[in-house]
Amino acid sequence: MIYEPPINPSNFTPMTNLFEQPVGRSVLVLNNLHFGKHLDALNRCARLVPDYVKGFATLVVSTPYMNDVAKDDVIRMLIGLADEADPVEHC
């Protein structure tokens, strides 16, 4: 088993592209923004809209000085996209 250090957005270079990596890595990056608060919602988003999760995670790691409001907006937007993708599951 290969050891990988914990995911931390500050460990990424400005040109990090998470599209080439498993969606789980993107979930861990976004999950780290709120210390695990939205893990269940992010896992659902990864299942329903994985490309959006990878895209937003790539934007987050490329924007080192995001404020907390912007971070919350990213999570809310992903949840909204997942709700649109599968409204029955959301109900």
PDB file of N, CA and C in Angstrom:
ATOM      1  N   MET A   1       0.843  -1.181   0.000  1.00  0.00           N
ATOM      2  CA  MET A   1       0.000   0.000   0.000  1.00  0.00           C
ATOM      3  C   MET A   1       0.887   1.243   0.000  1.00  0.00           C
ATOM      4  N   ILE A   2       0.563   2.189  -0.858  1.00  0.00           N
ATOM      5  CA  ILE A   2       1.334   3.418  -0.966  1.00  0.00           C
ATOM      6  C   ILE A   2       0.739   4.462  -0.035  1.00  0.00           C
ATOM      7  N   TYR A   3       1.591   5.072   0.780  1.00  0.00           N
ATOM      8  CA  TYR A   3       1.130   6.113   1.692  1.00  0.00           C
ATOM      9  C   TYR A   3       0.969   7.419   0.940  1.00  0.00           C
ATOM     10  N   GLU A   4      -0.185   8.035   1.105  1.00  0.00           N
ATOM     11  CA  GLU A   4      -0.404   9.366   0.564  1.00  0.00           C
ATOM     12  C   GLU A   4      -0.707  10.294   1.734  1.00  0.00           C
ATOM     13  N   PRO A   5      -0.068  11.439   1.780  1.00  0.00           N
ATOM     14  CA  PRO A   5      -0.346  12.372   2.876  1.00  0.00           C
ATOM     15  C   PRO A   5      -1.782  12.868   2.810  1.00  0.00           C
ATOM     16  N   PRO A   6      -2.305  13.361   3.929  1.00  0.00           N
ATOM     17  CA  PRO A   6      -3.686  13.876   3.931  1.00  0.00           C
ATOM     18  C   PRO A   6      -3.870  14.956   2.871  1.00  0.00           C
ATOM     19  N   ILE A   7      -5.084  15.017   2.342  1.00  0.00           N
ATOM     20  CA  ILE A   7      -5.402  15.994   1.315  1.00  0.00           C
ATOM     21  C   ILE A   7      -5.520  17.376   1.950  1.00  0.00           C
ATOM     22  N   ASN A   8      -4.818  18.326   1.399  1.00  0.00           N
ATOM     23  CA  ASN A   8      -4.862  19.692   1.883  1.00  0.00           C
ATOM     24  C   ASN A   8      -4.780  20.598   0.663  1.00  0.00           C
ATOM     25  N   PRO A   9      -5.782  21.455   0.440  1.00  0.00           N
ATOM     26  CA  PRO A   9      -5.748  22.308  -0.752  1.00  0.00           C
ATOM     27  C   PRO A   9      -4.470  23.114  -0.904  1.00  0.00           C
ATOM     28  N   SER A  10      -3.796  23.433   0.189  1.00  0.00           N
ATOM     29  CA  SER A  10      -2.573  24.225   0.085  1.00  0.00           C
ATOM     30  C   SER A  10      -1.403  23.402  -0.445  1.00  0.00           C
ATOM     31  N   ASN A  11      -1.533  22.056  -0.506  1.00  0.00           N
ATOM     32  CA  ASN A  11      -0.470  21.204  -1.043  1.00  0.00           C
ATOM     33  C   ASN A  11      -0.454  21.171  -2.565  1.00  0.00           C
ATOM     34  N   PHE A  12      -1.479  21.681  -3.207  1.00  0.00           N
ATOM     35  CA  PHE A  12      -1.588  21.598  -4.649  1.00  0.00           C
ATOM     36  C   PHE A  12      -0.940  22.804  -5.307  1.00  0.00           C
ATOM     37  N   THR A  13      -0.414  22.587  -6.502  1.00  0.00           N
ATOM     38  CA  THR A  13       0.146  23.694  -7.266  1.00  0.00           C
ATOM     39  C   THR A  13      -0.993  24.438  -7.952  1.00  0.00           C
ATOM     40  N   PRO A  14      -0.770  25.662  -8.383  1.00  0.00           N
ATOM     41  CA  PRO A  14      -1.843  26.421  -9.035  1.00  0.00           C
ATOM     42  C   PRO A  14      -2.401  25.747 -10.292  1.00  0.00           C
ATOM     43  N   MET A  15      -1.651  24.862 -10.915  1.00  0.00           N
ATOM     44  CA  MET A  15      -2.106  24.219 -12.137  1.00  0.00           C
ATOM     45  C   MET A  15      -2.621  22.802 -11.893  1.00  0.00           C
ATOM     46  N   THR A  16      -2.949  22.454 -10.667  1.00  0.00           N
ATOM     47  CA  THR A  16      -3.444  21.119 -10.369  1.00  0.00           C
ATOM     48  C   THR A  16      -4.746  20.873 -11.116  1.00  0.00           C
ATOM     49  N   ASN A  17      -4.822  19.738 -11.798  1.00  0.00           N
ATOM     50  CA  ASN A  17      -6.014  19.370 -12.540  1.00  0.00           C
ATOM     51  C   ASN A  17      -6.556  18.076 -11.955  1.00  0.00           C
ATOM     52  N   LEU A  18      -7.658  18.167 -11.242  1.00  0.00           N
ATOM     53  CA  LEU A  18      -8.234  16.991 -10.600  1.00  0.00           C
ATOM     54  C   LEU A  18      -9.127  16.189 -11.536  1.00  0.00           C
ATOM     55  N   PHE A  19      -9.298  16.633 -12.790  1.00  0.00           N
ATOM     56  CA  PHE A  19     -10.098  15.867 -13.748  1.00  0.00           C
ATOM     57  C   PHE A  19      -9.440  14.535 -14.071  1.00  0.00           C
ATOM     58  N   GLU A  20      -8.121  14.480 -13.981  1.00  0.00           N
ATOM     59  CA  GLU A  20      -7.386  13.268 -14.327  1.00  0.00           C
ATOM     60  C   GLU A  20      -7.299  12.290 -13.168  1.00  0.00           C
ATOM     61  N   GLN A  21      -7.827  12.644 -12.031  1.00  0.00           N
ATOM     62  CA  GLN A  21      -7.737  11.810 -10.840  1.00  0.00           C
ATOM     63  C   GLN A  21      -9.112  11.285 -10.463  1.00  0.00           C
ATOM     64  N   PRO A  22      -9.169  10.270  -9.606  1.00  0.00           N
ATOM     65  CA  PRO A  22     -10.472   9.736  -9.181  1.00  0.00           C
ATOM     66  C   PRO A  22     -11.305  10.810  -8.476  1.00  0.00           C
ATOM     67  N   VAL A  23     -12.605  10.708  -8.624  1.00  0.00           N
ATOM     68  CA  VAL A  23     -13.509  11.699  -8.035  1.00  0.00           C
ATOM     69  C   VAL A  23     -13.379  11.711  -6.505  1.00  0.00           C
ATOM     70  N   GLY A  24     -12.987  10.594  -5.918  1.00  0.00           N
ATOM     71  CA  GLY A  24     -12.812  10.548  -4.470  1.00  0.00           C
ATOM     72  C   GLY A  24     -11.788  11.541  -3.968  1.00  0.00           C
ATOM     73  N   ARG A  25     -10.763  11.770  -4.730  1.00  0.00           N
ATOM     74  CA  ARG A  25      -9.747  12.760  -4.335  1.00  0.00           C
ATOM     75  C   ARG A  25     -10.353  14.159  -4.323  1.00  0.00           C
ATOM     76  N   SER A  26     -11.200  14.450  -5.288  1.00  0.00           N
ATOM     77  CA  SER A  26     -11.873  15.747  -5.319  1.00  0.00           C
ATOM     78  C   SER A  26     -12.802  15.905  -4.118  1.00  0.00           C
ATOM     79  N   VAL A  27     -13.502  14.823  -3.769  1.00  0.00           N
ATOM     80  CA  VAL A  27     -14.375  14.860  -2.594  1.00  0.00           C
ATOM     81  C   VAL A  27     -13.561  15.170  -1.343  1.00  0.00           C
ATOM     82  N   LEU A  28     -12.396  14.556  -1.222  1.00  0.00           N
ATOM     83  CA  LEU A  28     -11.561  14.813  -0.046  1.00  0.00           C
ATOM     84  C   LEU A  28     -11.076  16.258   0.004  1.00  0.00           C
ATOM     85  N   VAL A  29     -10.749  16.814  -1.146  1.00  0.00           N
ATOM     86  CA  VAL A  29     -10.321  18.220  -1.188  1.00  0.00           C
ATOM     87  C   VAL A  29     -11.459  19.125  -0.720  1.00  0.00           C
ATOM     88  N   LEU A  30     -12.652  18.918  -1.263  1.00  0.00           N
ATOM     89  CA  LEU A  30     -13.796  19.757  -0.891  1.00  0.00           C
ATOM     90  C   LEU A  30     -14.235  19.496   0.540  1.00  0.00           C
ATOM     91  N   ASN A  31     -14.135  18.260   0.984  1.00  0.00           N
ATOM     92  CA  ASN A  31     -14.503  17.902   2.348  1.00  0.00           C
ATOM     93  C   ASN A  31     -13.597  18.603   3.357  1.00  0.00           C
ATOM     94  N   ASN A  32     -12.346  18.784   2.987  1.00  0.00           N
ATOM     95  CA  ASN A  32     -11.381  19.425   3.871  1.00  0.00           C
ATOM     96  C   ASN A  32     -11.720  20.892   4.125  1.00  0.00           C
ATOM     97  N   LEU A  33     -12.524  21.503   3.262  1.00  0.00           N
ATOM     98  CA  LEU A  33     -12.895  22.908   3.445  1.00  0.00           C
ATOM     99  C   LEU A  33     -13.726  23.115   4.700  1.00  0.00           C
ATOM    100  N   HIS A  34     -14.510  22.111   5.078  1.00  0.00           N
ATOM    101  CA  HIS A  34     -15.429  22.249   6.202  1.00  0.00           C
ATOM    102  C   HIS A  34     -15.215  21.174   7.262  1.00  0.00           C
ATOM    103  N   PHE A  35     -14.048  20.567   7.276  1.00  0.00           N
ATOM    104  CA  PHE A  35     -13.677  19.581   8.292  1.00  0.00           C
ATOM    105  C   PHE A  35     -14.672  18.431   8.389  1.00  0.00           C
ATOM    106  N   GLY A  36     -15.152  17.965   7.236  1.00  0.00           N
ATOM    107  CA  GLY A  36     -16.024  16.800   7.207  1.00  0.00           C
ATOM    108  C   GLY A  36     -17.494  17.071   7.373  1.00  0.00           C
ATOM    109  N   LYS A  37     -17.867  18.311   7.471  1.00  0.00           N
ATOM    110  CA  LYS A  37     -19.257  18.676   7.732  1.00  0.00           C
ATOM    111  C   LYS A  37     -20.202  18.219   6.615  1.00  0.00           C
ATOM    112  N   HIS A  38     -19.738  18.219   5.372  1.00  0.00           N
ATOM    113  CA  HIS A  38     -20.605  17.923   4.228  1.00  0.00           C
ATOM    114  C   HIS A  38     -20.218  16.629   3.514  1.00  0.00           C
ATOM    115  N   LEU A  39     -19.608  15.695   4.206  1.00  0.00           N
ATOM    116  CA  LEU A  39     -19.109  14.490   3.543  1.00  0.00           C
ATOM    117  C   LEU A  39     -20.220  13.687   2.880  1.00  0.00           C
ATOM    118  N   ASP A  40     -21.337  13.488   3.556  1.00  0.00           N
ATOM    119  CA  ASP A  40     -22.432  12.716   2.955  1.00  0.00           C
ATOM    120  C   ASP A  40     -22.958  13.396   1.695  1.00  0.00           C
ATOM    121  N   ALA A  41     -23.128  14.702   1.749  1.00  0.00           N
ATOM    122  CA  ALA A  41     -23.620  15.438   0.577  1.00  0.00           C
ATOM    123  C   ALA A  41     -22.603  15.382  -0.562  1.00  0.00           C
ATOM    124  N   LEU A  42     -21.321  15.484  -0.246  1.00  0.00           N
ATOM    125  CA  LEU A  42     -20.300  15.436  -1.288  1.00  0.00           C
ATOM    126  C   LEU A  42     -20.208  14.050  -1.923  1.00  0.00           C
ATOM    127  N   ASN A  43     -20.383  13.011  -1.127  1.00  0.00           N
ATOM    128  CA  ASN A  43     -20.393  11.658  -1.692  1.00  0.00           C
ATOM    129  C   ASN A  43     -21.567  11.485  -2.651  1.00  0.00           C
ATOM    130  N   ARG A  44     -22.719  12.032  -2.291  1.00  0.00           N
ATOM    131  CA  ARG A  44     -23.887  11.985  -3.179  1.00  0.00           C
ATOM    132  C   ARG A  44     -23.605  12.754  -4.463  1.00  0.00           C
ATOM    133  N   CYS A  45     -23.002  13.926  -4.334  1.00  0.00           N
ATOM    134  CA  CYS A  45     -22.657  14.726  -5.512  1.00  0.00           C
ATOM    135  C   CYS A  45     -21.666  13.971  -6.406  1.00  0.00           C
ATOM    136  N   ALA A  46     -20.704  13.297  -5.797  1.00  0.00           N
ATOM    137  CA  ALA A  46     -19.719  12.548  -6.577  1.00  0.00           C
ATOM    138  C   ALA A  46     -20.377  11.423  -7.359  1.00  0.00           C
ATOM    139  N   ARG A  47     -21.411  10.842  -6.809  1.00  0.00           N
ATOM    140  CA  ARG A  47     -22.121   9.767  -7.491  1.00  0.00           C
ATOM    141  C   ARG A  47     -22.987  10.301  -8.638  1.00  0.00           C
ATOM    142  N   LEU A  48     -23.612  11.456  -8.432  1.00  0.00           N
ATOM    143  CA  LEU A  48     -24.568  11.981  -9.405  1.00  0.00           C
ATOM    144  C   LEU A  48     -23.949  12.936 -10.434  1.00  0.00           C
ATOM    145  N   VAL A  49     -23.021  13.767 -10.006  1.00  0.00           N
ATOM    146  CA  VAL A  49     -22.417  14.760 -10.912  1.00  0.00           C
ATOM    147  C   VAL A  49     -20.891  14.804 -10.724  1.00  0.00           C
ATOM    148  N   PRO A  50     -20.201  13.695 -11.027  1.00  0.00           N
ATOM    149  CA  PRO A  50     -18.762  13.620 -10.747  1.00  0.00           C
ATOM    150  C   PRO A  50     -17.921  14.659 -11.488  1.00  0.00           C
ATOM    151  N   ASP A  51     -18.287  15.001 -12.711  1.00  0.00           N
ATOM    152  CA  ASP A  51     -17.492  15.988 -13.443  1.00  0.00           C
ATOM    153  C   ASP A  51     -17.570  17.368 -12.799  1.00  0.00           C
ATOM    154  N   TYR A  52     -18.731  17.714 -12.271  1.00  0.00           N
ATOM    155  CA  TYR A  52     -18.854  18.994 -11.567  1.00  0.00           C
ATOM    156  C   TYR A  52     -18.020  18.989 -10.289  1.00  0.00           C
ATOM    157  N   VAL A  53     -18.017  17.877  -9.581  1.00  0.00           N
ATOM    158  CA  VAL A  53     -17.219  17.779  -8.349  1.00  0.00           C
ATOM    159  C   VAL A  53     -15.737  17.968  -8.682  1.00  0.00           C
ATOM    160  N   LYS A  54     -15.266  17.292  -9.717  1.00  0.00           N
ATOM    161  CA  LYS A  54     -13.866  17.444 -10.115  1.00  0.00           C
ATOM    162  C   LYS A  54     -13.567  18.874 -10.559  1.00  0.00           C
ATOM    163  N   GLY A  55     -14.495  19.471 -11.301  1.00  0.00           N
ATOM    164  CA  GLY A  55     -14.295  20.840 -11.779  1.00  0.00           C
ATOM    165  C   GLY A  55     -14.222  21.851 -10.655  1.00  0.00           C
ATOM    166  N   PHE A  56     -15.162  21.761  -9.722  1.00  0.00           N
ATOM    167  CA  PHE A  56     -15.141  22.712  -8.611  1.00  0.00           C
ATOM    168  C   PHE A  56     -13.944  22.484  -7.702  1.00  0.00           C
ATOM    169  N   ALA A  57     -13.549  21.233  -7.512  1.00  0.00           N
ATOM    170  CA  ALA A  57     -12.355  20.958  -6.691  1.00  0.00           C
ATOM    171  C   ALA A  57     -11.117  21.538  -7.358  1.00  0.00           C
ATOM    172  N   THR A  58     -11.034  21.428  -8.679  1.00  0.00           N
ATOM    173  CA  THR A  58      -9.912  22.011  -9.411  1.00  0.00           C
ATOM    174  C   THR A  58      -9.892  23.528  -9.241  1.00  0.00           C
ATOM    175  N   LEU A  59     -11.056  24.161  -9.314  1.00  0.00           N
ATOM    176  CA  LEU A  59     -11.120  25.614  -9.106  1.00  0.00           C
ATOM    177  C   LEU A  59     -10.720  25.999  -7.688  1.00  0.00           C
ATOM    178  N   VAL A  60     -11.155  25.215  -6.718  1.00  0.00           N
ATOM    179  CA  VAL A  60     -10.846  25.532  -5.320  1.00  0.00           C
ATOM    180  C   VAL A  60      -9.339  25.451  -5.063  1.00  0.00           C
ATOM    181  N   VAL A  61      -8.693  24.401  -5.542  1.00  0.00           N
ATOM    182  CA  VAL A  61      -7.252  24.284  -5.295  1.00  0.00           C
ATOM    183  C   VAL A  61      -6.456  25.302  -6.107  1.00  0.00           C
ATOM    184  N   SER A  62      -7.054  25.845  -7.153  1.00  0.00           N
ATOM    185  CA  SER A  62      -6.388  26.868  -7.949  1.00  0.00           C
ATOM    186  C   SER A  62      -6.640  28.267  -7.408  1.00  0.00           C
ATOM    187  N   THR A  63      -7.473  28.383  -6.384  1.00  0.00           N
ATOM    188  CA  THR A  63      -7.811  29.668  -5.773  1.00  0.00           C
ATOM    189  C   THR A  63      -7.437  29.614  -4.296  1.00  0.00           C
ATOM    190  N   PRO A  64      -6.193  29.903  -3.971  1.00  0.00           N
ATOM    191  CA  PRO A  64      -5.717  29.701  -2.601  1.00  0.00           C
ATOM    192  C   PRO A  64      -6.342  30.624  -1.552  1.00  0.00           C
ATOM    193  N   TYR A  65      -6.896  31.732  -1.952  1.00  0.00           N
ATOM    194  CA  TYR A  65      -7.408  32.682  -0.964  1.00  0.00           C
ATOM    195  C   TYR A  65      -8.922  32.800  -0.998  1.00  0.00           C
ATOM    196  N   MET A  66      -9.621  31.680  -1.125  1.00  0.00           N
ATOM    197  CA  MET A  66     -11.090  31.694  -1.115  1.00  0.00           C
ATOM    198  C   MET A  66     -11.579  31.989   0.296  1.00  0.00           C
ATOM    199  N   ASN A  67     -12.557  32.861   0.401  1.00  0.00           N
ATOM    200  CA  ASN A  67     -13.122  33.122   1.716  1.00  0.00           C
ATOM    201  C   ASN A  67     -14.174  32.058   2.045  1.00  0.00           C
ATOM    202  N   ASP A  68     -14.631  32.032   3.277  1.00  0.00           N
ATOM    203  CA  ASP A  68     -15.563  30.997   3.728  1.00  0.00           C
ATOM    204  C   ASP A  68     -16.902  31.048   2.998  1.00  0.00           C
ATOM    205  N   VAL A  69     -17.348  32.240   2.640  1.00  0.00           N
ATOM    206  CA  VAL A  69     -18.614  32.367   1.921  1.00  0.00           C
ATOM    207  C   VAL A  69     -18.509  31.697   0.551  1.00  0.00           C
ATOM    208  N   ALA A  70     -17.409  31.914  -0.136  1.00  0.00           N
ATOM    209  CA  ALA A  70     -17.213  31.292  -1.451  1.00  0.00           C
ATOM    210  C   ALA A  70     -17.132  29.775  -1.328  1.00  0.00           C
ATOM    211  N   LYS A  71     -16.478  29.287  -0.286  1.00  0.00           N
ATOM    212  CA  LYS A  71     -16.395  27.839  -0.062  1.00  0.00           C
ATOM    213  C   LYS A  71     -17.784  27.251   0.176  1.00  0.00           C
ATOM    214  N   ASP A  72     -18.589  27.933   0.972  1.00  0.00           N
ATOM    215  CA  ASP A  72     -19.962  27.477   1.210  1.00  0.00           C
ATOM    216  C   ASP A  72     -20.770  27.483  -0.085  1.00  0.00           C
ATOM    217  N   ASP A  73     -20.554  28.488  -0.912  1.00  0.00           N
ATOM    218  CA  ASP A  73     -21.273  28.578  -2.184  1.00  0.00           C
ATOM    219  C   ASP A  73     -20.936  27.400  -3.107  1.00  0.00           C
ATOM    220  N   VAL A  74     -19.692  26.985  -3.109  1.00  0.00           N
ATOM    221  CA  VAL A  74     -19.284  25.840  -3.934  1.00  0.00           C
ATOM    222  C   VAL A  74     -20.048  24.591  -3.500  1.00  0.00           C
ATOM    223  N   ILE A  75     -20.106  24.349  -2.208  1.00  0.00           N
ATOM    224  CA  ILE A  75     -20.808  23.157  -1.697  1.00  0.00           C
ATOM    225  C   ILE A  75     -22.292  23.252  -2.020  1.00  0.00           C
ATOM    226  N   ARG A  76     -22.896  24.418  -1.786  1.00  0.00           N
ATOM    227  CA  ARG A  76     -24.325  24.586  -2.073  1.00  0.00           C
ATOM    228  C   ARG A  76     -24.628  24.396  -3.556  1.00  0.00           C
ATOM    229  N   MET A  77     -23.747  24.901  -4.412  1.00  0.00           N
ATOM    230  CA  MET A  77     -23.960  24.759  -5.843  1.00  0.00           C
ATOM    231  C   MET A  77     -23.879  23.285  -6.264  1.00  0.00           C
ATOM    232  N   LEU A  78     -22.929  22.556  -5.719  1.00  0.00           N
ATOM    233  CA  LEU A  78     -22.820  21.129  -6.035  1.00  0.00           C
ATOM    234  C   LEU A  78     -24.051  20.360  -5.559  1.00  0.00           C
ATOM    235  N   ILE A  79     -24.538  20.688  -4.385  1.00  0.00           N
ATOM    236  CA  ILE A  79     -25.741  20.026  -3.867  1.00  0.00           C
ATOM    237  C   ILE A  79     -26.931  20.332  -4.774  1.00  0.00           C
ATOM    238  N   GLY A  80     -27.038  21.572  -5.222  1.00  0.00           N
ATOM    239  CA  GLY A  80     -28.112  21.940  -6.135  1.00  0.00           C
ATOM    240  C   GLY A  80     -28.024  21.198  -7.458  1.00  0.00           C
ATOM    241  N   LEU A  81     -26.823  21.037  -7.989  1.00  0.00           N
ATOM    242  CA  LEU A  81     -26.642  20.291  -9.236  1.00  0.00           C
ATOM    243  C   LEU A  81     -27.003  18.818  -9.057  1.00  0.00           C
ATOM    244  N   ALA A  82     -26.656  18.249  -7.908  1.00  0.00           N
ATOM    245  CA  ALA A  82     -27.018  16.853  -7.633  1.00  0.00           C
ATOM    246  C   ALA A  82     -28.534  16.716  -7.493  1.00  0.00           C
ATOM    247  N   ASP A  83     -29.155  17.694  -6.871  1.00  0.00           N
ATOM    248  CA  ASP A  83     -30.629  17.666  -6.738  1.00  0.00           C
ATOM    249  C   ASP A  83     -31.309  17.714  -8.105  1.00  0.00           C
ATOM    250  N   GLU A  84     -30.752  18.520  -9.013  1.00  0.00           N
ATOM    251  CA  GLU A  84     -31.305  18.595 -10.364  1.00  0.00           C
ATOM    252  C   GLU A  84     -31.095  17.287 -11.129  1.00  0.00           C
ATOM    253  N   ALA A  85     -29.959  16.648 -10.885  1.00  0.00           N
ATOM    254  CA  ALA A  85     -29.653  15.412 -11.591  1.00  0.00           C
ATOM    255  C   ALA A  85     -30.550  14.254 -11.153  1.00  0.00           C
ATOM    256  N   ASP A  86     -30.926  14.246  -9.882  1.00  0.00           N
ATOM    257  CA  ASP A  86     -31.778  13.175  -9.365  1.00  0.00           C
ATOM    258  C   ASP A  86     -32.727  13.741  -8.320  1.00  0.00           C
ATOM    259  N   PRO A  87     -33.802  14.407  -8.758  1.00  0.00           N
ATOM    260  CA  PRO A  87     -34.729  15.043  -7.807  1.00  0.00           C
ATOM    261  C   PRO A  87     -35.460  14.031  -6.937  1.00  0.00           C
ATOM    262  N   VAL A  88     -35.640  12.812  -7.396  1.00  0.00           N
ATOM    263  CA  VAL A  88     -36.364  11.799  -6.609  1.00  0.00           C
ATOM    264  C   VAL A  88     -35.577  11.431  -5.359  1.00  0.00           C
ATOM    265  N   GLU A  89     -34.259  11.289  -5.493  1.00  0.00           N
ATOM    266  CA  GLU A  89     -33.425  10.935  -4.349  1.00  0.00           C
ATOM    267  C   GLU A  89     -33.429  12.029  -3.299  1.00  0.00           C
ATOM    268  N   HIS A  90     -33.536  13.270  -3.758  1.00  0.00           N
ATOM    269  CA  HIS A  90     -33.504  14.425  -2.839  1.00  0.00           C
ATOM    270  C   HIS A  90     -34.738  14.476  -1.959  1.00  0.00           C
ATOM    271  N   CYS A  91     -35.886  14.057  -2.465  1.00  0.00           N
ATOM    272  CA  CYS A  91     -37.154  14.168  -1.731  1.00  0.00           C
ATOM    273  C   CYS A  91     -37.221  13.285  -0.513  1.00  0.00           C
TER     274      CYS A  91
END
